[in-house]
């Protein structure tokens, strides 16, 4: 067989494998905090104990003349196997062909030309280099990512300069920053809906909460007609919130609850607290910060600037400037009375949103909305306008069952709250859960605690991923939950497929923390 013909299926398979590894790199934030390398380490069997290694064996035991034909067949088999496994599995977050990914493909193209240097000596060496590059493709992707760092920095500098210039051109625009360990996206969407009654705000779309995400929003979405720019601010290590504040210079800030999200990359709870407060400590003296009086981490923190603060709360009414009571939660929505301590006013709130956490988010939006000039009537209208947030305690019809979609929840408090919402339901209660991730040494203890909390609130537990959900299982068993009511599956689709067998006349399903592809165990 001709040498060049034998390479056709090789390069097709290489493209498939490279695309998969780039998908994992993208989901691991382009190896920020060595996340991609950690993923590789935790998936050694999947990445390196596979059929790709057979290429080395073929090359060393078979003569090159016959090897070309076998190499061709071998690559065709690998392609068929890859496609079969891909069809069998479920991709939750497919590769997004962004500019950065396309630039990585270009770099990888040139890196994958290196094996042709082996032709200067002999075809055997060339094949060896091909097989070596294929087998160690995850590392080649890392190398390409490192090579592209200077390019990405230049591109980042260009977009940053453009966004700074654009922001300065909007003289009357004011920026609102929102951060916290969880609840950022919900708080952002709620605030946007409330302010829309009177103003023309712009919120960062989707989960655009990184420097590049804010730059894209400023350059592509922001215009002179917007009154407020609501910037969601995410971080997984120290000084990242400060970096975002230096970019957009918020005048107002909302700090949702502080928990243990991304503990692995932050290193400690103290670092998480300090990082989240970088937003409030960046606010000007004529700005306003909204803090949660029921969050001990916020109450105890010694604030390092004199920006005015409004405290919101439910339990700590003494410290709260704005608080909620007379709370009535149901599976259809929430009602409560909002009190303004200084003005002796109150507001009766009705919302389709579920769960205690959303009461805090509504209180924060009401606090800032009132400060920005919304009347009581406008606040009432704004709250009624608030739409349920996708994948965050969102009620949906699922055939003849009711689905409570909380798939984006990633913290113990939110997970418990979602179980409490499920517990309000009158029918059969089923939870589909993958557990909570990125908690470092606290992962086992926290997930076991969640399993124990589940026991009295669900009738059936469907756990996704045997290894990932082992602590959940042990927590359920410790609380004497019936083993026959626990189902362990590999994917969420397998879990959903069980529902027809498990459902009754009235069935409520809580879909909890649907993890991205990097946590797939199959």
Protein backbone atom coordinates (compact mmCIF):
# COMPACT_ATOMS: atom_id res chain seq x y z
CA UNK A 1 0.00 0.00 0.00
CA UNK A 2 1.12 3.55 -0.76
CA UNK A 3 2.56 5.49 2.22
CA UNK A 4 0.31 8.53 1.66
CA UNK A 5 -2.87 6.47 1.32
CA UNK A 6 -2.14 4.78 4.66
CA UNK A 7 -2.15 8.21 6.33
CA UNK A 8 -5.68 9.23 5.25
CA UNK A 9 -7.55 7.42 8.09
CA UNK A 10 -4.75 8.36 10.51
CA UNK A 11 -5.34 12.09 10.05
CA UNK A 12 -9.10 11.66 10.24
CA UNK A 13 -8.77 9.79 13.53
CA UNK A 14 -6.24 12.36 14.74
CA UNK A 15 -8.78 15.13 14.03
CA UNK A 16 -11.48 13.28 16.02
CA UNK A 17 -9.18 12.69 18.97
CA UNK A 18 -7.81 16.24 18.90
CA UNK A 19 -11.34 17.67 18.85
CA UNK A 20 -12.26 15.58 21.89
CA UNK A 21 -9.17 16.71 23.81
CA UNK A 22 -9.77 20.35 22.85
CA UNK A 23 -13.33 19.97 24.15
CA UNK A 24 -11.90 18.82 27.48
CA UNK A 25 -9.34 21.67 27.44
CA UNK A 26 -12.14 24.17 26.84
CA UNK A 27 -14.29 22.77 29.64
CA UNK A 28 -11.24 22.93 31.90
CA UNK A 29 -10.83 26.67 31.19
CA UNK A 30 -7.81 26.23 28.92
CA UNK A 31 -5.83 24.72 31.79
CA UNK A 32 -6.30 27.66 34.18
CA UNK A 33 -5.02 26.47 37.54
CA UNK A 34 -3.77 23.29 35.78
CA UNK A 35 -7.38 22.07 35.58
CA UNK A 36 -6.81 20.21 32.30
CA UNK A 37 -3.67 18.49 33.64
CA UNK A 38 -5.61 17.47 36.76
CA UNK A 39 -8.38 16.09 34.54
CA UNK A 40 -5.76 14.07 32.60
CA UNK A 41 -4.35 12.69 35.85
CA UNK A 42 -7.78 11.64 37.09
CA UNK A 43 -8.55 9.97 33.73
CA UNK A 44 -5.28 8.12 33.05
CA UNK A 45 -7.02 4.89 32.08
CA UNK A 46 -9.35 6.63 29.62
CA UNK A 47 -6.53 8.67 28.06
CA UNK A 48 -3.62 6.24 27.95
CA UNK A 49 -4.74 2.65 28.60
CA UNK A 50 -6.59 2.40 25.31
CA UNK A 51 -6.28 0.80 21.87
CA UNK A 52 -4.01 3.60 20.60
CA UNK A 53 -1.05 1.86 22.27
CA UNK A 54 -1.43 -1.09 19.87
CA UNK A 55 0.27 1.02 17.16
CA UNK A 56 3.62 0.70 18.94
CA UNK A 57 3.23 -3.08 19.12
CA UNK A 58 2.34 -3.34 15.41
CA UNK A 59 5.33 -1.24 14.38
CA UNK A 60 7.91 -3.18 16.37
CA UNK A 61 6.74 -6.64 15.38
CA UNK A 62 5.71 -6.27 11.75
CA UNK A 63 7.81 -5.35 8.71
CA UNK A 64 7.13 -1.88 7.27
CA UNK A 65 6.01 -3.20 3.86
CA UNK A 66 3.12 -5.06 5.44
CA UNK A 67 2.70 -2.51 8.23
CA UNK A 68 1.26 0.14 5.87
CA UNK A 69 -1.76 -2.03 5.11
CA UNK A 70 -2.24 -2.99 8.79
CA UNK A 71 -1.81 0.64 9.85
CA UNK A 72 -4.60 1.63 7.43
CA UNK A 73 -6.94 -1.10 8.79
CA UNK A 74 -5.96 -0.34 12.38
CA UNK A 75 -6.86 3.36 11.96
CA UNK A 76 -10.18 2.48 10.31
CA UNK A 77 -11.03 0.28 13.32
CA UNK A 78 -10.09 3.11 15.72
CA UNK A 79 -12.32 5.52 13.77
CA UNK A 80 -15.25 3.08 13.89
CA UNK A 81 -14.70 2.51 17.62
CA UNK A 82 -14.52 6.27 18.31
CA UNK A 83 -17.74 6.98 16.40
CA UNK A 84 -19.53 4.08 18.12
CA UNK A 85 -18.50 5.30 21.59
CA UNK A 86 -19.42 8.87 20.69
CA UNK A 87 -22.93 7.82 19.61
CA UNK A 88 -23.35 5.74 22.76
CA UNK A 89 -22.25 8.56 25.06
CA UNK A 90 -24.03 11.90 25.58
CA UNK A 91 -22.23 15.18 24.95
CA UNK A 92 -23.58 17.89 27.23
CA UNK A 93 -21.19 20.68 26.20
CA UNK A 94 -19.89 20.13 22.65
CA UNK A 95 -16.72 21.82 21.48
CA UNK A 96 -17.39 25.50 20.84
CA UNK A 97 -15.38 26.55 17.77
CA UNK A 98 -14.32 29.91 19.13
CA UNK A 99 -11.46 31.98 17.72
CA UNK A 100 -9.17 30.54 20.37
CA UNK A 101 -10.03 26.96 19.42
CA UNK A 102 -9.46 27.69 15.73
CA UNK A 103 -6.05 29.18 16.56
CA UNK A 104 -5.21 26.04 18.52
CA UNK A 105 -6.17 23.91 15.52
CA UNK A 106 -3.72 25.89 13.37
CA UNK A 107 -0.91 25.39 15.91
CA UNK A 108 -1.73 21.68 16.19
CA UNK A 109 -1.68 21.37 12.40
CA UNK A 110 1.93 22.54 12.33
CA UNK A 111 2.89 20.39 15.32
CA UNK A 112 1.44 17.36 13.57
CA UNK A 113 3.67 18.00 10.55
CA UNK A 114 6.75 17.23 12.68
CA UNK A 115 6.53 13.43 12.10
CA UNK A 116 7.24 14.03 8.39
CA UNK A 117 10.79 14.90 9.41
CA UNK A 118 11.19 11.18 9.94
CA UNK A 119 10.97 10.71 6.17
CA UNK A 120 14.46 12.23 5.94
CA UNK A 121 15.74 8.95 7.43
CA UNK A 122 13.13 6.24 6.84
CA UNK A 123 9.40 5.51 6.85
CA UNK A 124 9.66 3.44 10.04
CA UNK A 125 10.79 6.48 12.03
CA UNK A 126 8.03 8.52 10.43
CA UNK A 127 5.36 6.01 11.46
CA UNK A 128 6.84 5.86 14.96
CA UNK A 129 6.53 9.65 15.29
CA UNK A 130 2.94 9.51 14.01
CA UNK A 131 1.97 6.87 16.56
CA UNK A 132 3.84 8.68 19.34
CA UNK A 133 2.02 11.97 18.57
CA UNK A 134 -1.35 10.21 18.43
CA UNK A 135 -0.87 8.36 21.70
CA UNK A 136 0.35 11.46 23.55
CA UNK A 137 -2.21 13.74 21.89
CA UNK A 138 -3.48 15.10 25.26
CA UNK A 139 0.04 16.41 25.93
CA UNK A 140 0.35 17.77 22.39
CA UNK A 141 -2.82 19.79 23.05
CA UNK A 142 -1.21 21.16 26.24
CA UNK A 143 1.91 22.09 24.24
CA UNK A 144 -0.19 23.91 21.62
CA UNK A 145 -1.98 25.78 24.39
CA UNK A 146 1.39 26.89 25.86
CA UNK A 147 2.72 27.95 22.44
CA UNK A 148 -0.37 30.08 21.87
CA UNK A 149 -0.12 31.95 25.20
CA UNK A 150 1.74 34.99 23.72
CA UNK A 151 -0.79 35.15 20.86
CA UNK A 152 -3.72 34.99 23.28
CA UNK A 153 -2.15 37.72 25.42
CA UNK A 154 -1.83 40.01 22.38
CA UNK A 155 -5.44 39.33 21.36
CA UNK A 156 -6.56 39.89 24.95
CA UNK A 157 -4.67 43.21 25.04
CA UNK A 158 -6.38 44.33 21.82
CA UNK A 159 -9.89 43.47 23.05
CA UNK A 160 -9.18 44.97 26.48
CA UNK A 161 -8.02 48.28 24.96
CA UNK A 162 -11.07 48.33 22.70
CA UNK A 163 -13.48 47.62 25.56
CA UNK A 164 -11.88 50.22 27.87
CA UNK A 165 -12.15 52.86 25.14
CA UNK A 166 -15.76 51.88 24.47
CA UNK A 167 -16.71 52.02 28.15
CA UNK A 168 -15.20 55.49 28.51
CA UNK A 169 -17.30 56.74 25.57
CA UNK A 170 -20.53 56.03 27.47
CA UNK A 171 -20.47 58.95 29.90
CA UNK A 172 -23.79 58.22 31.64
CA UNK A 173 -23.40 54.46 31.94
CA UNK A 174 -23.06 52.99 35.45
CA UNK A 175 -21.79 49.50 36.17
CA UNK A 176 -23.21 47.00 38.65
CA UNK A 177 -21.00 44.08 39.66
CA UNK A 178 -22.38 40.81 41.04
CA UNK A 179 -20.24 38.10 42.58
CA UNK A 180 -20.40 35.34 45.19
CA UNK A 181 -19.80 31.63 45.45
CA UNK A 182 -23.21 30.87 43.98
CA UNK A 183 -26.39 32.60 42.88
CA UNK A 184 -24.57 35.10 40.62
CA UNK A 185 -26.46 34.27 37.42
CA UNK A 186 -29.84 34.16 39.17
CA UNK A 187 -29.16 37.48 40.92
CA UNK A 188 -28.04 39.05 37.62
CA UNK A 189 -31.16 37.95 35.75
CA UNK A 190 -33.51 39.01 38.57
CA UNK A 191 -31.88 42.45 38.86
CA UNK A 192 -32.07 42.92 35.09
CA UNK A 193 -35.82 42.12 35.08
CA UNK A 194 -36.52 44.47 38.01
CA UNK A 195 -34.52 47.41 36.60
CA UNK A 196 -36.11 46.93 33.17
CA UNK A 197 -39.34 48.43 34.50
CA UNK A 198 -37.76 51.89 34.43
CA UNK A 199 -34.31 51.61 32.79
CA UNK A 200 -32.59 49.97 29.86
CA UNK A 201 -29.99 47.72 31.51
CA UNK A 202 -27.64 45.27 29.82
CA UNK A 203 -26.60 42.08 31.59
CA UNK A 204 -23.71 39.84 30.64
CA UNK A 205 -25.19 36.96 28.58
CA UNK A 206 -25.10 33.29 29.62
CA UNK A 207 -22.15 32.67 31.93
CA UNK A 208 -19.89 35.43 30.55
CA UNK A 209 -18.20 36.17 33.87
CA UNK A 210 -14.49 36.16 32.92
CA UNK A 211 -12.40 39.12 31.67
CA UNK A 212 -12.82 37.96 28.07
CA UNK A 213 -16.55 37.41 28.60
CA UNK A 214 -16.97 40.98 29.87
CA UNK A 215 -14.89 42.34 26.96
CA UNK A 216 -17.09 40.50 24.43
CA UNK A 217 -20.22 41.89 26.11
CA UNK A 218 -18.86 45.45 26.08
CA UNK A 219 -17.59 45.29 22.48
CA UNK A 220 -20.51 43.41 20.92
CA UNK A 221 -23.61 44.22 22.99
CA UNK A 222 -23.22 47.47 24.91
CA UNK A 223 -24.44 50.72 23.30
CA UNK A 224 -25.20 54.35 24.20
CA UNK A 225 -28.84 53.59 24.98
CA UNK A 226 -28.02 51.41 27.99
CA UNK A 227 -28.33 52.98 31.46
CA UNK A 228 -26.70 50.18 33.48
CA UNK A 229 -24.26 47.40 32.71
CA UNK A 230 -24.84 44.40 35.02
CA UNK A 231 -21.60 42.43 35.09
CA UNK A 232 -21.52 38.92 36.53
CA UNK A 233 -18.05 38.32 38.00
CA UNK A 234 -16.64 34.84 38.46
CA UNK A 235 -13.34 33.73 39.95
CA UNK A 236 -11.48 30.58 40.90
CA UNK A 237 -8.40 32.18 42.46
CA UNK A 238 -7.23 35.30 44.32
CA UNK A 239 -7.27 38.73 42.59
CA UNK A 240 -9.52 37.61 39.70
CA UNK A 241 -12.45 39.72 40.92
CA UNK A 242 -10.09 42.68 41.32
CA UNK A 243 -8.99 42.19 37.70
CA UNK A 244 -12.61 42.37 36.55
CA UNK A 245 -13.25 45.47 38.67
CA UNK A 246 -10.20 47.19 37.14
CA UNK A 247 -11.72 46.48 33.73
CA UNK A 248 -15.30 47.75 34.25
CA UNK A 249 -15.05 49.92 37.42
CA UNK A 250 -18.39 49.07 39.07
CA UNK A 251 -20.19 51.74 41.07
CA UNK A 252 -22.60 49.29 42.69
CA UNK A 253 -21.99 45.75 43.91
CA UNK A 254 -24.06 42.79 45.07
CA UNK A 255 -22.39 39.99 46.99
CA UNK A 256 -24.48 36.81 47.02
CA UNK A 257 -23.70 34.12 49.58
CA UNK A 258 -20.11 32.96 50.07
CA UNK A 259 -19.51 29.22 50.22
CA UNK A 260 -16.91 26.64 49.28
CA UNK A 261 -17.21 26.70 45.47
CA UNK A 262 -13.84 26.17 43.71
CA UNK A 263 -12.12 25.40 47.02
CA UNK A 264 -9.59 23.29 45.09
CA UNK A 265 -8.27 26.28 43.17
CA UNK A 266 -8.71 28.95 45.87
CA UNK A 267 -6.89 26.86 48.46
CA UNK A 268 -8.79 28.06 51.55
CA UNK A 269 -12.10 29.48 52.72
CA UNK A 270 -10.31 32.66 53.84
CA UNK A 271 -9.00 33.26 50.30
CA UNK A 272 -12.50 32.76 48.88
CA UNK A 273 -13.95 35.39 51.26
CA UNK A 274 -11.20 37.95 50.53
CA UNK A 275 -11.54 37.41 46.77
CA UNK A 276 -15.31 37.90 46.78
CA UNK A 277 -14.95 41.11 48.82
CA UNK A 278 -12.59 42.49 46.15
CA UNK A 279 -15.79 43.69 44.43
CA UNK A 280 -17.15 45.61 47.43
CA UNK A 281 -13.72 47.04 48.22
CA UNK A 282 -13.41 48.36 44.66
CA UNK A 283 -16.60 50.45 44.89
CA UNK A 284 -16.34 54.25 45.06
CA UNK A 285 -17.48 56.32 48.05
CA UNK A 286 -20.60 57.42 46.13
CA UNK A 287 -21.48 53.84 45.22
CA UNK A 288 -23.42 51.17 47.10
CA UNK A 289 -22.74 47.60 48.20
CA UNK A 290 -25.49 45.07 48.96
CA UNK A 291 -24.48 42.41 51.50
CA UNK A 292 -26.26 39.43 53.06
CA UNK A 293 -26.80 39.68 56.82
CA UNK A 294 -27.58 35.94 57.04
CA UNK A 295 -24.11 35.06 55.71
CA UNK A 296 -21.69 34.79 58.63
CA UNK A 297 -18.73 35.15 56.27
CA UNK A 298 -19.98 38.60 55.23
CA UNK A 299 -21.07 39.80 58.68
CA UNK A 300 -17.69 38.98 60.26
CA UNK A 301 -15.57 40.45 57.45
CA UNK A 302 -13.72 43.71 58.24
CA UNK A 303 -14.48 45.84 55.18
CA UNK A 304 -11.52 47.89 53.96
CA UNK A 305 -13.37 50.80 52.38
CA UNK A 306 -16.10 53.25 53.43
CA UNK A 307 -18.57 52.58 50.63
CA UNK A 308 -22.22 52.74 51.86
CA UNK A 309 -23.67 49.27 52.54
CA UNK A 310 -27.25 48.00 52.54
CA UNK A 311 -27.77 44.74 54.42
CA UNK A 312 -30.50 42.30 53.34
CA UNK A 313 -31.67 39.22 55.21
CA UNK A 314 -34.34 36.84 56.39
CA UNK A 315 -33.14 35.48 59.73
CA UNK A 316 -30.88 38.32 60.94
CA UNK A 317 -33.53 41.04 61.02
CA UNK A 318 -31.63 43.11 63.58
CA UNK A 319 -28.72 43.78 61.20
CA UNK A 320 -30.79 43.89 58.00
CA UNK A 321 -31.86 47.19 56.47
CA UNK A 322 -34.24 45.29 54.19
CA UNK A 323 -35.63 41.92 55.27
CA UNK A 324 -38.28 39.35 54.36
CA UNK A 325 -40.83 37.66 56.59
CA UNK A 326 -44.23 35.97 56.29
CA UNK A 327 -42.60 33.66 53.74
CA UNK A 328 -44.79 31.08 52.03
CA UNK A 329 -42.99 28.60 49.80
CA UNK A 330 -44.75 26.20 47.48
CA UNK A 331 -43.88 24.14 44.42
CA UNK A 332 -45.63 26.83 42.33
CA UNK A 333 -43.78 29.89 43.65
CA UNK A 334 -43.08 32.13 46.63
CA UNK A 335 -44.77 34.98 48.48
CA UNK A 336 -43.25 37.12 51.24
CA UNK A 337 -43.38 40.57 52.82
CA UNK A 338 -40.38 42.83 52.23
CA UNK A 339 -39.73 45.38 55.01
CA UNK A 340 -37.66 48.57 54.68
CA UNK A 341 -36.52 49.18 58.24
CA UNK A 342 -35.59 52.87 58.01
CA UNK A 343 -38.68 53.98 56.07
CA UNK A 344 -41.14 51.71 57.93
CA UNK A 345 -42.44 50.64 54.51
CA UNK A 346 -43.31 47.16 53.35
CA UNK A 347 -43.84 45.42 50.05
CA UNK A 348 -45.86 42.25 49.41
CA UNK A 349 -43.92 40.13 46.93
CA UNK A 350 -45.32 37.42 44.67
CA UNK A 351 -42.97 35.48 42.40
CA UNK A 352 -42.84 32.31 40.34
CA UNK A 353 -39.31 31.69 41.62
CA UNK A 354 -38.70 28.78 43.98
CA UNK A 355 -36.47 28.43 47.02
CA UNK A 356 -35.06 30.54 49.84
CA UNK A 357 -31.94 31.56 47.87
CA UNK A 358 -34.10 33.41 45.36
CA UNK A 359 -35.66 35.44 48.17
CA UNK A 360 -32.17 36.81 48.89
CA UNK A 361 -31.68 37.54 45.19
CA UNK A 362 -35.01 39.38 45.04
CA UNK A 363 -34.18 41.36 48.19
CA UNK A 364 -30.84 42.42 46.64
CA UNK A 365 -32.61 43.55 43.44
CA UNK A 366 -35.24 45.43 45.46
CA UNK A 367 -32.52 47.11 47.59
CA UNK A 368 -30.54 48.32 44.59
CA UNK A 369 -33.66 49.16 42.57
CA UNK A 370 -34.97 51.33 45.41
CA UNK A 371 -31.59 53.10 45.69
CA UNK A 372 -31.66 53.80 41.95
CA UNK A 373 -35.09 55.44 42.15
CA UNK A 374 -37.72 52.75 41.52
CA UNK A 375 -41.04 53.43 43.26
CA UNK A 376 -42.88 50.80 45.30
CA UNK A 377 -45.28 50.21 42.39
CA UNK A 378 -42.36 49.77 39.98
CA UNK A 379 -40.64 47.35 42.36
CA UNK A 380 -43.83 45.27 42.65
CA UNK A 381 -44.21 45.20 38.88
CA UNK A 382 -40.54 44.38 38.39
CA UNK A 383 -40.66 41.43 40.78
CA UNK A 384 -43.79 40.06 39.07
CA UNK A 385 -41.94 40.31 35.72
CA UNK A 386 -39.05 38.16 36.93
CA UNK A 387 -38.86 35.02 34.83
CA UNK A 388 -37.72 31.60 36.11
CA UNK A 389 -34.04 31.06 35.36
CA UNK A 390 -33.05 28.15 33.13
CA UNK A 391 -31.55 25.19 35.04
CA UNK A 392 -31.98 26.93 38.41
CA UNK A 393 -35.03 25.56 40.24
CA UNK A 394 -37.00 25.89 37.03
CA UNK A 395 -40.35 24.04 36.90
CA UNK A 396 -40.97 22.15 33.65
CA UNK A 397 -43.45 19.62 32.36
CA UNK A 398 -41.72 16.31 31.54
CA UNK A 399 -44.29 14.10 29.79
CA UNK A 400 -46.92 13.51 32.53
CA UNK A 401 -44.46 14.37 35.32
CA UNK A 402 -43.14 17.63 36.82
CA UNK A 403 -39.40 18.31 36.51
CA UNK A 404 -37.64 20.72 38.88
CA UNK A 405 -34.56 21.63 36.85
CA UNK A 406 -31.69 22.61 39.16
CA UNK A 407 -28.95 21.22 36.92
CA UNK A 408 -26.59 24.20 37.33
CA UNK A 409 -26.55 24.11 41.11
CA UNK A 410 -23.08 23.39 42.51
CA UNK A 411 -23.12 23.98 46.28
CA UNK A 412 -24.36 22.22 49.38
CA UNK A 413 -26.73 24.98 50.56
CA UNK A 414 -28.39 25.29 47.17
CA UNK A 415 -28.64 21.50 46.84
CA UNK A 416 -30.34 21.23 50.24
CA UNK A 417 -32.71 24.07 49.36
CA UNK A 418 -33.67 22.30 46.11
CA UNK A 419 -34.44 19.13 48.10
CA UNK A 420 -36.65 21.20 50.43
CA UNK A 421 -38.53 22.52 47.38
CA UNK A 422 -38.98 18.93 46.13
CA UNK A 423 -40.22 17.95 49.58
CA UNK A 424 -43.09 20.46 49.23
CA UNK A 425 -44.49 18.36 46.38
CA UNK A 426 -47.48 16.12 47.08
CA UNK A 427 -46.66 13.21 44.76
CA UNK A 428 -43.82 10.71 44.45
CA UNK A 429 -40.46 12.46 44.82
CA UNK A 430 -37.42 11.40 42.75
CA UNK A 431 -33.98 13.02 42.73
CA UNK A 432 -31.42 12.61 39.92
CA UNK A 433 -28.05 13.73 41.24
CA UNK A 434 -24.33 13.72 40.39
CA UNK A 435 -23.25 15.23 43.69
CA UNK A 436 -21.17 18.37 44.19
CA UNK A 437 -17.73 18.88 42.62
CA UNK A 438 -14.50 20.88 43.08
CA UNK A 439 -14.48 20.75 46.87
CA UNK A 440 -11.00 19.25 47.25
CA UNK A 441 -10.52 17.43 50.56
CA UNK A 442 -14.06 18.31 51.64
CA UNK A 443 -15.67 16.55 48.66
CA UNK A 444 -16.39 13.22 50.39
CA UNK A 445 -17.66 14.73 53.63
CA UNK A 446 -19.90 17.29 51.85
CA UNK A 447 -21.46 14.79 49.45
CA UNK A 448 -22.09 12.31 52.24
CA UNK A 449 -23.84 15.09 54.15
CA UNK A 450 -25.98 15.75 51.07
CA UNK A 451 -26.87 12.05 50.83
CA UNK A 452 -27.97 12.04 54.47
CA UNK A 453 -30.07 15.16 53.86
CA UNK A 454 -31.74 13.49 50.85
CA UNK A 455 -32.98 10.52 52.85
CA UNK A 456 -36.12 12.07 54.39
CA UNK A 457 -36.97 14.22 51.35
CA UNK A 458 -37.06 11.76 48.45
CA UNK A 459 -38.71 8.44 47.66
CA UNK A 460 -36.20 7.39 44.98
CA UNK A 461 -32.58 8.45 44.39
CA UNK A 462 -31.00 8.05 40.95
CA UNK A 463 -27.24 8.60 41.24
CA UNK A 464 -25.14 9.40 38.16
CA UNK A 465 -21.63 7.92 38.19
CA UNK A 466 -20.76 5.15 40.66
CA UNK A 467 -17.40 6.65 41.67
CA UNK A 468 -18.61 10.26 41.79
CA UNK A 469 -21.71 9.50 43.88
CA UNK A 470 -20.25 6.95 46.32
CA UNK A 471 -20.44 9.46 49.24
CA UNK A 472 -24.10 10.23 48.38
CA UNK A 473 -24.85 6.50 48.42
CA UNK A 474 -23.12 6.02 51.78
CA UNK A 475 -24.97 8.99 53.26
CA UNK A 476 -28.32 7.55 52.16
CA UNK A 477 -27.49 4.08 53.50
CA UNK A 478 -26.28 5.49 56.83
CA UNK A 479 -29.73 7.06 57.24
CA UNK A 480 -31.38 3.67 56.52
CA UNK A 481 -32.67 4.62 53.06
CA UNK A 482 -33.92 1.51 51.25
CA UNK A 483 -31.29 0.10 48.87
CA UNK A 484 -33.95 -0.98 46.38
CA UNK A 485 -34.89 2.69 45.94
CA UNK A 486 -31.35 3.69 44.92
CA UNK A 487 -30.37 3.41 41.23
CA UNK A 488 -26.82 3.99 40.00
CA UNK A 489 -26.44 4.87 36.31
CA UNK A 490 -23.64 6.17 34.07
CA UNK A 491 -25.42 9.09 32.38
CA UNK A 492 -28.33 11.42 32.98
CA UNK A 493 -30.08 9.92 29.93
CA UNK A 494 -30.03 6.49 31.61
CA UNK A 495 -31.51 8.10 34.70
CA UNK A 496 -34.30 9.81 32.76
CA UNK A 497 -35.04 6.52 30.97
CA UNK A 498 -35.85 4.93 34.37
CA UNK A 499 -38.60 7.43 35.11
CA UNK A 500 -41.33 5.68 33.11
CA UNK A 501 -40.78 2.58 35.24
CA UNK A 502 -40.68 4.50 38.52
CA UNK A 503 -43.41 7.12 38.07
CA UNK A 504 -46.80 7.16 39.76
CA UNK A 505 -49.94 9.23 39.13
CA UNK A 506 -48.27 12.37 40.49
CA UNK A 507 -44.48 12.41 40.18
CA UNK A 508 -41.98 15.20 40.83
CA UNK A 509 -38.36 14.91 39.70
CA UNK A 510 -35.48 17.07 40.94
CA UNK A 511 -32.66 17.22 38.40
CA UNK A 512 -29.65 18.20 40.46
CA UNK A 513 -26.14 19.20 39.30
CA UNK A 514 -25.88 17.74 35.79
CA UNK A 515 -22.07 17.68 35.47
CA UNK A 516 -20.16 18.57 32.27
CA UNK A 517 -18.44 15.96 30.08
CA UNK A 518 -15.12 16.20 31.96
CA UNK A 519 -16.77 14.28 34.83
CA UNK A 520 -18.12 11.44 32.68
CA UNK A 521 -17.11 8.09 34.17
CA UNK A 522 -18.01 5.96 31.16
